[in-house]
Amino acid sequence: MRRKAIWVQAPPLGWVLYDADCGFCTRWAWHLARFVGPRGYHLAPLQAPWVRQRLALSEEELLCEMRVLTAGDALYGGADAFVFLARQVWWAWPFALAARLPGVIHLLRAGYRWVARNRHRFSSACALPGVSDPHRPSSTLPHSRAGE
């Protein structure tokens, strides 16, 4: 399937940074792009050289969660990134407001960490080695849908 570029603002207000070697992550990033792309947030793989250099994180830390990097260099990760993006879309504001209730952000972070740890179970195209297949290669072609 050919994907159409949907962003309209240049320079971007920020970037949604995702693991391009993970089919699950890539699929979710493209879903998010439909809503935040027109609002100035572009997609970029965490594996991009400029992202690695700008974030200066270890490989393990770099790929542990999706991130949002704003043009002003604010960095949000995991559930906090989703909450930040929700504040950019008018109809998602209730989600952002709910995250401010006592204890809710902690639940969202725990849920995000669980999904991130288990993402290889949701997509056979994810390059992370699975628990059931510890010998799986550590790299696949980005955006590969083979085996799904």
N, C-alpha and C. Protein backbone atom coordinates (compact mmCIF):
# COMPACT_ATOMS: atom_id res chain seq x y z
N MET A 1 0.84 -1.16 0.00
CA MET A 1 0.00 0.00 0.00
C MET A 1 0.89 1.24 0.00
N ARG A 2 0.61 2.16 -0.87
CA ARG A 2 1.37 3.40 -0.97
C ARG A 2 0.80 4.41 0.01
N ARG A 3 1.67 5.03 0.76
CA ARG A 3 1.24 6.01 1.76
C ARG A 3 1.45 7.41 1.22
N LYS A 4 0.46 8.24 1.39
CA LYS A 4 0.51 9.61 0.93
C LYS A 4 1.00 10.51 2.07
N ALA A 5 1.94 11.41 1.75
CA ALA A 5 2.41 12.36 2.75
C ALA A 5 1.25 13.29 3.11
N ILE A 6 1.05 13.51 4.39
CA ILE A 6 -0.12 14.29 4.80
C ILE A 6 0.24 15.54 5.59
N TRP A 7 1.51 15.78 5.86
CA TRP A 7 1.84 16.95 6.65
C TRP A 7 1.79 18.20 5.78
N VAL A 8 1.47 19.30 6.39
CA VAL A 8 1.28 20.52 5.63
C VAL A 8 2.14 21.67 6.12
N GLN A 9 2.75 21.57 7.26
CA GLN A 9 3.52 22.67 7.80
C GLN A 9 5.00 22.45 7.66
N ALA A 10 5.73 23.47 7.23
CA ALA A 10 7.18 23.41 7.20
C ALA A 10 7.67 24.76 7.71
N PRO A 11 8.58 24.85 8.60
CA PRO A 11 9.18 23.73 9.31
C PRO A 11 8.20 23.10 10.30
N PRO A 12 8.47 21.86 10.67
CA PRO A 12 7.54 21.16 11.57
C PRO A 12 7.56 21.75 12.98
N LEU A 13 6.46 21.55 13.67
CA LEU A 13 6.40 21.92 15.09
C LEU A 13 7.09 20.87 15.95
N GLY A 14 7.28 19.68 15.37
CA GLY A 14 7.95 18.60 16.08
C GLY A 14 7.88 17.32 15.29
N TRP A 15 8.41 16.26 15.90
CA TRP A 15 8.48 14.97 15.23
C TRP A 15 7.96 13.87 16.16
N VAL A 16 7.21 12.96 15.60
CA VAL A 16 6.83 11.73 16.29
C VAL A 16 7.89 10.72 15.91
N LEU A 17 8.67 10.29 16.88
CA LEU A 17 9.81 9.40 16.66
C LEU A 17 9.40 7.97 17.04
N TYR A 18 9.56 7.05 16.11
CA TYR A 18 9.09 5.68 16.32
C TYR A 18 10.14 4.69 15.85
N ASP A 19 10.02 3.44 16.29
CA ASP A 19 10.93 2.36 15.90
C ASP A 19 10.50 1.83 14.54
N ALA A 20 11.24 2.20 13.50
CA ALA A 20 10.89 1.81 12.14
C ALA A 20 11.16 0.34 11.86
N ASP A 21 11.86 -0.36 12.75
CA ASP A 21 12.09 -1.79 12.57
C ASP A 21 10.96 -2.62 13.17
N CYS A 22 9.99 -1.98 13.77
CA CYS A 22 8.87 -2.67 14.42
C CYS A 22 7.59 -2.39 13.63
N GLY A 23 6.99 -3.42 13.10
CA GLY A 23 5.75 -3.27 12.33
C GLY A 23 4.63 -2.68 13.17
N PHE A 24 4.51 -3.10 14.41
CA PHE A 24 3.49 -2.58 15.32
C PHE A 24 3.68 -1.08 15.53
N CYS A 25 4.91 -0.68 15.80
CA CYS A 25 5.23 0.74 16.04
C CYS A 25 4.98 1.58 14.79
N THR A 26 5.40 1.07 13.64
CA THR A 26 5.25 1.78 12.38
C THR A 26 3.77 1.98 12.07
N ARG A 27 2.99 0.94 12.26
CA ARG A 27 1.54 1.02 12.00
C ARG A 27 0.90 2.10 12.88
N TRP A 28 1.24 2.10 14.18
CA TRP A 28 0.69 3.10 15.09
C TRP A 28 1.16 4.50 14.74
N ALA A 29 2.42 4.64 14.34
CA ALA A 29 2.94 5.96 13.98
C ALA A 29 2.17 6.53 12.79
N TRP A 30 1.88 5.69 11.80
CA TRP A 30 1.12 6.17 10.63
C TRP A 30 -0.32 6.51 11.00
N HIS A 31 -0.89 5.79 11.94
CA HIS A 31 -2.24 6.15 12.42
C HIS A 31 -2.20 7.52 13.11
N LEU A 32 -1.22 7.72 13.96
CA LEU A 32 -1.08 9.01 14.64
C LEU A 32 -0.85 10.15 13.65
N ALA A 33 -0.08 9.88 12.61
CA ALA A 33 0.25 10.91 11.62
C ALA A 33 -0.99 11.48 10.96
N ARG A 34 -2.02 10.68 10.82
CA ARG A 34 -3.27 11.17 10.22
C ARG A 34 -3.85 12.32 11.03
N PHE A 35 -3.63 12.33 12.33
CA PHE A 35 -4.21 13.34 13.20
C PHE A 35 -3.24 14.46 13.55
N VAL A 36 -1.98 14.12 13.77
CA VAL A 36 -1.03 15.16 14.19
C VAL A 36 -0.20 15.70 13.02
N GLY A 37 -0.15 14.99 11.92
CA GLY A 37 0.57 15.49 10.74
C GLY A 37 0.04 16.83 10.25
N PRO A 38 -1.26 16.95 10.06
CA PRO A 38 -1.80 18.24 9.62
C PRO A 38 -1.61 19.36 10.65
N ARG A 39 -1.27 18.99 11.87
CA ARG A 39 -1.05 19.99 12.92
C ARG A 39 0.43 20.31 13.09
N GLY A 40 1.26 19.82 12.16
CA GLY A 40 2.67 20.19 12.14
C GLY A 40 3.65 19.20 12.73
N TYR A 41 3.22 17.98 13.04
CA TYR A 41 4.11 16.98 13.61
C TYR A 41 4.43 15.93 12.56
N HIS A 42 5.69 15.78 12.24
CA HIS A 42 6.15 14.86 11.21
C HIS A 42 6.60 13.56 11.84
N LEU A 43 6.62 12.50 11.05
CA LEU A 43 7.15 11.22 11.50
C LEU A 43 8.64 11.15 11.20
N ALA A 44 9.38 10.52 12.08
CA ALA A 44 10.80 10.25 11.83
C ALA A 44 11.18 8.99 12.59
N PRO A 45 11.94 8.10 11.95
CA PRO A 45 12.37 6.89 12.66
C PRO A 45 13.41 7.20 13.73
N LEU A 46 13.32 6.50 14.83
CA LEU A 46 14.34 6.64 15.88
C LEU A 46 15.71 6.25 15.36
N GLN A 47 15.75 5.41 14.32
CA GLN A 47 17.01 4.96 13.77
C GLN A 47 17.69 5.99 12.86
N ALA A 48 17.03 7.09 12.54
CA ALA A 48 17.61 8.10 11.67
C ALA A 48 18.86 8.70 12.34
N PRO A 49 19.93 8.89 11.57
CA PRO A 49 21.17 9.43 12.16
C PRO A 49 20.97 10.76 12.91
N TRP A 50 20.17 11.65 12.36
CA TRP A 50 19.98 12.94 13.04
C TRP A 50 19.26 12.78 14.37
N VAL A 51 18.35 11.78 14.46
CA VAL A 51 17.63 11.53 15.71
C VAL A 51 18.59 10.97 16.74
N ARG A 52 19.38 9.97 16.34
CA ARG A 52 20.36 9.37 17.26
C ARG A 52 21.30 10.43 17.81
N GLN A 53 21.78 11.31 16.92
CA GLN A 53 22.71 12.35 17.33
C GLN A 53 22.02 13.37 18.26
N ARG A 54 20.83 13.76 17.92
CA ARG A 54 20.13 14.80 18.69
C ARG A 54 19.73 14.31 20.08
N LEU A 55 19.29 13.03 20.17
CA LEU A 55 18.85 12.51 21.46
C LEU A 55 20.00 12.00 22.31
N ALA A 56 21.07 11.54 21.67
CA ALA A 56 22.28 11.06 22.36
C ALA A 56 21.94 10.05 23.47
N LEU A 57 21.14 9.04 23.13
CA LEU A 57 20.77 7.99 24.07
C LEU A 57 21.43 6.69 23.67
N SER A 58 21.57 5.77 24.62
CA SER A 58 22.07 4.45 24.29
C SER A 58 21.07 3.75 23.37
N GLU A 59 21.52 2.74 22.65
CA GLU A 59 20.64 2.01 21.72
C GLU A 59 19.41 1.46 22.43
N GLU A 60 19.62 0.86 23.59
CA GLU A 60 18.51 0.27 24.34
C GLU A 60 17.51 1.34 24.79
N GLU A 61 18.04 2.45 25.30
CA GLU A 61 17.17 3.53 25.76
C GLU A 61 16.46 4.22 24.60
N LEU A 62 17.17 4.35 23.48
CA LEU A 62 16.60 5.02 22.30
C LEU A 62 15.35 4.30 21.80
N LEU A 63 15.40 2.98 21.74
CA LEU A 63 14.32 2.20 21.14
C LEU A 63 13.28 1.67 22.13
N CYS A 64 13.36 2.08 23.39
CA CYS A 64 12.44 1.51 24.39
C CYS A 64 11.04 2.11 24.32
N GLU A 65 10.89 3.29 23.69
CA GLU A 65 9.57 3.91 23.61
C GLU A 65 9.52 4.90 22.46
N MET A 66 8.30 5.15 21.98
CA MET A 66 8.13 6.21 20.98
C MET A 66 8.31 7.53 21.70
N ARG A 67 8.71 8.55 20.95
CA ARG A 67 8.97 9.84 21.55
C ARG A 67 8.41 10.95 20.67
N VAL A 68 8.19 12.09 21.28
CA VAL A 68 7.85 13.30 20.54
C VAL A 68 8.93 14.32 20.88
N LEU A 69 9.55 14.85 19.84
CA LEU A 69 10.55 15.89 19.99
C LEU A 69 9.97 17.16 19.37
N THR A 70 9.84 18.21 20.16
CA THR A 70 9.28 19.44 19.62
C THR A 70 10.39 20.28 18.98
N ALA A 71 10.00 21.23 18.15
CA ALA A 71 10.97 22.12 17.52
C ALA A 71 11.73 22.91 18.57
N GLY A 72 11.15 23.10 19.74
CA GLY A 72 11.81 23.79 20.85
C GLY A 72 12.66 22.88 21.71
N ASP A 73 12.89 21.64 21.26
CA ASP A 73 13.72 20.64 21.93
C ASP A 73 13.11 20.04 23.20
N ALA A 74 11.81 20.18 23.40
CA ALA A 74 11.16 19.45 24.50
C ALA A 74 11.00 18.00 24.03
N LEU A 75 11.25 17.07 24.92
CA LEU A 75 11.19 15.66 24.58
C LEU A 75 10.21 14.96 25.52
N TYR A 76 9.25 14.24 24.91
CA TYR A 76 8.26 13.46 25.65
C TYR A 76 8.40 12.02 25.21
N GLY A 77 8.22 11.08 26.13
CA GLY A 77 8.34 9.68 25.76
C GLY A 77 7.18 8.85 26.27
N GLY A 78 6.88 7.77 25.56
CA GLY A 78 5.87 6.81 25.99
C GLY A 78 4.49 7.43 26.18
N ALA A 79 3.87 7.14 27.30
CA ALA A 79 2.52 7.64 27.59
C ALA A 79 2.50 9.16 27.63
N ASP A 80 3.57 9.78 28.11
CA ASP A 80 3.64 11.24 28.15
C ASP A 80 3.61 11.82 26.74
N ALA A 81 4.20 11.11 25.79
CA ALA A 81 4.17 11.56 24.39
C ALA A 81 2.74 11.50 23.85
N PHE A 82 2.02 10.43 24.18
CA PHE A 82 0.62 10.33 23.74
C PHE A 82 -0.24 11.44 24.34
N VAL A 83 0.00 11.74 25.61
CA VAL A 83 -0.76 12.81 26.26
C VAL A 83 -0.43 14.15 25.61
N PHE A 84 0.84 14.39 25.34
CA PHE A 84 1.24 15.63 24.66
C PHE A 84 0.54 15.74 23.30
N LEU A 85 0.54 14.66 22.52
CA LEU A 85 -0.11 14.68 21.21
C LEU A 85 -1.62 14.88 21.35
N ALA A 86 -2.21 14.31 22.39
CA ALA A 86 -3.65 14.48 22.61
C ALA A 86 -3.99 15.95 22.82
N ARG A 87 -3.09 16.70 23.43
CA ARG A 87 -3.33 18.13 23.64
C ARG A 87 -3.29 18.92 22.33
N GLN A 88 -2.76 18.32 21.27
CA GLN A 88 -2.65 19.01 19.99
C GLN A 88 -3.89 18.82 19.12
N VAL A 89 -4.76 17.89 19.50
CA VAL A 89 -5.95 17.56 18.71
C VAL A 89 -7.18 17.86 19.56
N TRP A 90 -8.04 18.73 19.08
CA TRP A 90 -9.16 19.21 19.89
C TRP A 90 -10.02 18.09 20.46
N TRP A 91 -10.34 17.07 19.67
CA TRP A 91 -11.24 16.04 20.15
C TRP A 91 -10.56 15.04 21.08
N ALA A 92 -9.22 15.11 21.21
CA ALA A 92 -8.50 14.22 22.12
C ALA A 92 -8.21 14.88 23.47
N TRP A 93 -8.62 16.14 23.63
CA TRP A 93 -8.40 16.84 24.90
C TRP A 93 -8.96 16.10 26.11
N PRO A 94 -10.12 15.45 26.03
CA PRO A 94 -10.60 14.72 27.22
C PRO A 94 -9.59 13.68 27.71
N PHE A 95 -8.89 13.02 26.79
CA PHE A 95 -7.85 12.06 27.18
C PHE A 95 -6.72 12.78 27.92
N ALA A 96 -6.29 13.93 27.39
CA ALA A 96 -5.23 14.71 28.03
C ALA A 96 -5.66 15.20 29.42
N LEU A 97 -6.91 15.61 29.53
CA LEU A 97 -7.42 16.06 30.83
C LEU A 97 -7.53 14.91 31.82
N ALA A 98 -7.99 13.76 31.35
CA ALA A 98 -8.11 12.58 32.22
C ALA A 98 -6.74 12.17 32.76
N ALA A 99 -5.70 12.37 31.96
CA ALA A 99 -4.34 12.00 32.38
C ALA A 99 -3.87 12.85 33.56
N ARG A 100 -4.52 13.99 33.79
CA ARG A 100 -4.15 14.88 34.90
C ARG A 100 -4.81 14.47 36.21
N LEU A 101 -5.77 13.55 36.14
CA LEU A 101 -6.42 13.08 37.37
C LEU A 101 -5.41 12.28 38.20
N PRO A 102 -5.54 12.32 39.51
CA PRO A 102 -4.58 11.60 40.37
C PRO A 102 -4.48 10.11 39.99
N GLY A 103 -3.26 9.68 39.77
CA GLY A 103 -2.99 8.28 39.50
C GLY A 103 -3.15 7.84 38.05
N VAL A 104 -3.84 8.61 37.23
CA VAL A 104 -4.12 8.18 35.86
C VAL A 104 -2.84 8.11 35.03
N ILE A 105 -1.98 9.12 35.13
CA ILE A 105 -0.76 9.09 34.31
C ILE A 105 0.12 7.91 34.70
N HIS A 106 0.10 7.52 35.98
CA HIS A 106 0.88 6.35 36.41
C HIS A 106 0.35 5.08 35.77
N LEU A 107 -0.98 4.97 35.68
CA LEU A 107 -1.59 3.81 35.01
C LEU A 107 -1.27 3.82 33.51
N LEU A 108 -1.35 4.99 32.89
CA LEU A 108 -1.03 5.09 31.46
C LEU A 108 0.42 4.71 31.19
N ARG A 109 1.33 5.17 32.03
CA ARG A 109 2.75 4.85 31.87
C ARG A 109 2.99 3.34 32.04
N ALA A 110 2.35 2.75 33.04
CA ALA A 110 2.50 1.30 33.26
C ALA A 110 1.94 0.53 32.07
N GLY A 111 0.77 0.94 31.57
CA GLY A 111 0.18 0.29 30.40
C GLY A 111 1.06 0.44 29.17
N TYR A 112 1.61 1.62 28.97
CA TYR A 112 2.50 1.85 27.82
C TYR A 112 3.74 0.95 27.93
N ARG A 113 4.36 0.92 29.13
CA ARG A 113 5.56 0.08 29.31
C ARG A 113 5.25 -1.38 29.02
N TRP A 114 4.07 -1.86 29.44
CA TRP A 114 3.70 -3.25 29.18
C TRP A 114 3.59 -3.50 27.67
N VAL A 115 2.90 -2.61 26.97
CA VAL A 115 2.76 -2.75 25.51
C VAL A 115 4.13 -2.69 24.84
N ALA A 116 4.97 -1.74 25.24
CA ALA A 116 6.30 -1.59 24.64
C ALA A 116 7.15 -2.85 24.85
N ARG A 117 7.09 -3.41 26.05
CA ARG A 117 7.84 -4.64 26.34
C ARG A 117 7.34 -5.82 25.53
N ASN A 118 6.05 -5.85 25.21
CA ASN A 118 5.44 -7.00 24.55
C ASN A 118 5.10 -6.75 23.08
N ARG A 119 5.58 -5.67 22.50
CA ARG A 119 5.19 -5.31 21.13
C ARG A 119 5.56 -6.37 20.10
N HIS A 120 6.61 -7.14 20.37
CA HIS A 120 6.98 -8.21 19.44
C HIS A 120 5.89 -9.29 19.36
N ARG A 121 5.03 -9.36 20.37
CA ARG A 121 3.93 -10.34 20.35
C ARG A 121 2.75 -9.86 19.50
N PHE A 122 2.67 -8.54 19.27
CA PHE A 122 1.58 -7.97 18.51
C PHE A 122 1.87 -7.91 17.02
N SER A 123 3.13 -8.02 16.64
CA SER A 123 3.50 -7.93 15.23
C SER A 123 4.67 -8.84 14.94
N SER A 124 4.48 -9.75 14.02
CA SER A 124 5.58 -10.63 13.65
C SER A 124 6.64 -9.89 12.86
N ALA A 125 6.35 -8.65 12.44
CA ALA A 125 7.32 -7.85 11.70
C ALA A 125 8.22 -7.05 12.62
N CYS A 126 8.02 -7.14 13.93
CA CYS A 126 8.84 -6.39 14.87
C CYS A 126 10.21 -7.04 14.96
N ALA A 127 11.25 -6.24 14.89
CA ALA A 127 12.61 -6.76 14.88
C ALA A 127 13.10 -7.18 16.26
N LEU A 128 12.33 -6.92 17.29
CA LEU A 128 12.75 -7.33 18.62
C LEU A 128 12.63 -8.83 18.76
N PRO A 129 13.59 -9.47 19.41
CA PRO A 129 13.46 -10.91 19.61
C PRO A 129 12.31 -11.21 20.56
N GLY A 130 11.51 -12.18 20.19
CA GLY A 130 10.37 -12.55 21.02
C GLY A 130 10.76 -13.55 22.09
N VAL A 131 9.93 -13.64 23.11
CA VAL A 131 10.17 -14.59 24.18
C VAL A 131 10.12 -16.01 23.63
N SER A 132 9.19 -16.25 22.70
CA SER A 132 9.06 -17.60 22.14
C SER A 132 10.11 -17.88 21.07
N ASP A 133 10.83 -16.86 20.61
CA ASP A 133 11.84 -17.03 19.57
C ASP A 133 13.08 -16.21 19.89
N PRO A 134 13.88 -16.68 20.87
CA PRO A 134 15.03 -15.89 21.30
C PRO A 134 16.13 -15.79 20.25
N HIS A 135 16.07 -16.60 19.17
CA HIS A 135 17.10 -16.58 18.14
C HIS A 135 16.69 -15.78 16.92
N ARG A 136 15.59 -15.06 17.02
CA ARG A 136 15.11 -14.25 15.91
C ARG A 136 16.16 -13.18 15.57
N PRO A 137 16.40 -12.91 14.29
CA PRO A 137 17.38 -11.88 13.94
C PRO A 137 17.01 -10.54 14.56
N SER A 138 18.03 -9.73 14.86
CA SER A 138 17.78 -8.45 15.52
C SER A 138 17.48 -7.33 14.54
N SER A 139 17.43 -7.62 13.25
CA SER A 139 17.15 -6.57 12.29
C SER A 139 16.32 -7.10 11.13
N THR A 140 15.33 -6.35 10.74
CA THR A 140 14.54 -6.65 9.56
C THR A 140 14.42 -5.40 8.73
N LEU A 141 13.92 -5.51 7.55
CA LEU A 141 13.72 -4.32 6.71
C LEU A 141 12.65 -3.44 7.32
N PRO A 142 12.90 -2.13 7.37
CA PRO A 142 11.86 -1.24 7.92
C PRO A 142 10.57 -1.36 7.13
N HIS A 143 9.47 -1.27 7.83
CA HIS A 143 8.13 -1.30 7.26
C HIS A 143 7.78 -2.65 6.64
N SER A 144 8.55 -3.68 6.97
CA SER A 144 8.28 -5.01 6.44
C SER A 144 6.99 -5.55 7.04
N ARG A 145 6.15 -6.12 6.21
CA ARG A 145 4.92 -6.73 6.71
C ARG A 145 4.97 -8.25 6.53
N ALA A 146 6.13 -8.76 6.21
CA ALA A 146 6.27 -10.19 5.98
C ALA A 146 5.89 -10.96 7.23
N GLY A 147 5.16 -12.00 7.06
CA GLY A 147 4.80 -12.88 8.15
C GLY A 147 3.61 -12.43 8.96
N GLU A 148 3.00 -11.31 8.61
CA GLU A 148 1.85 -10.86 9.36
C GLU A 148 0.60 -11.53 8.87
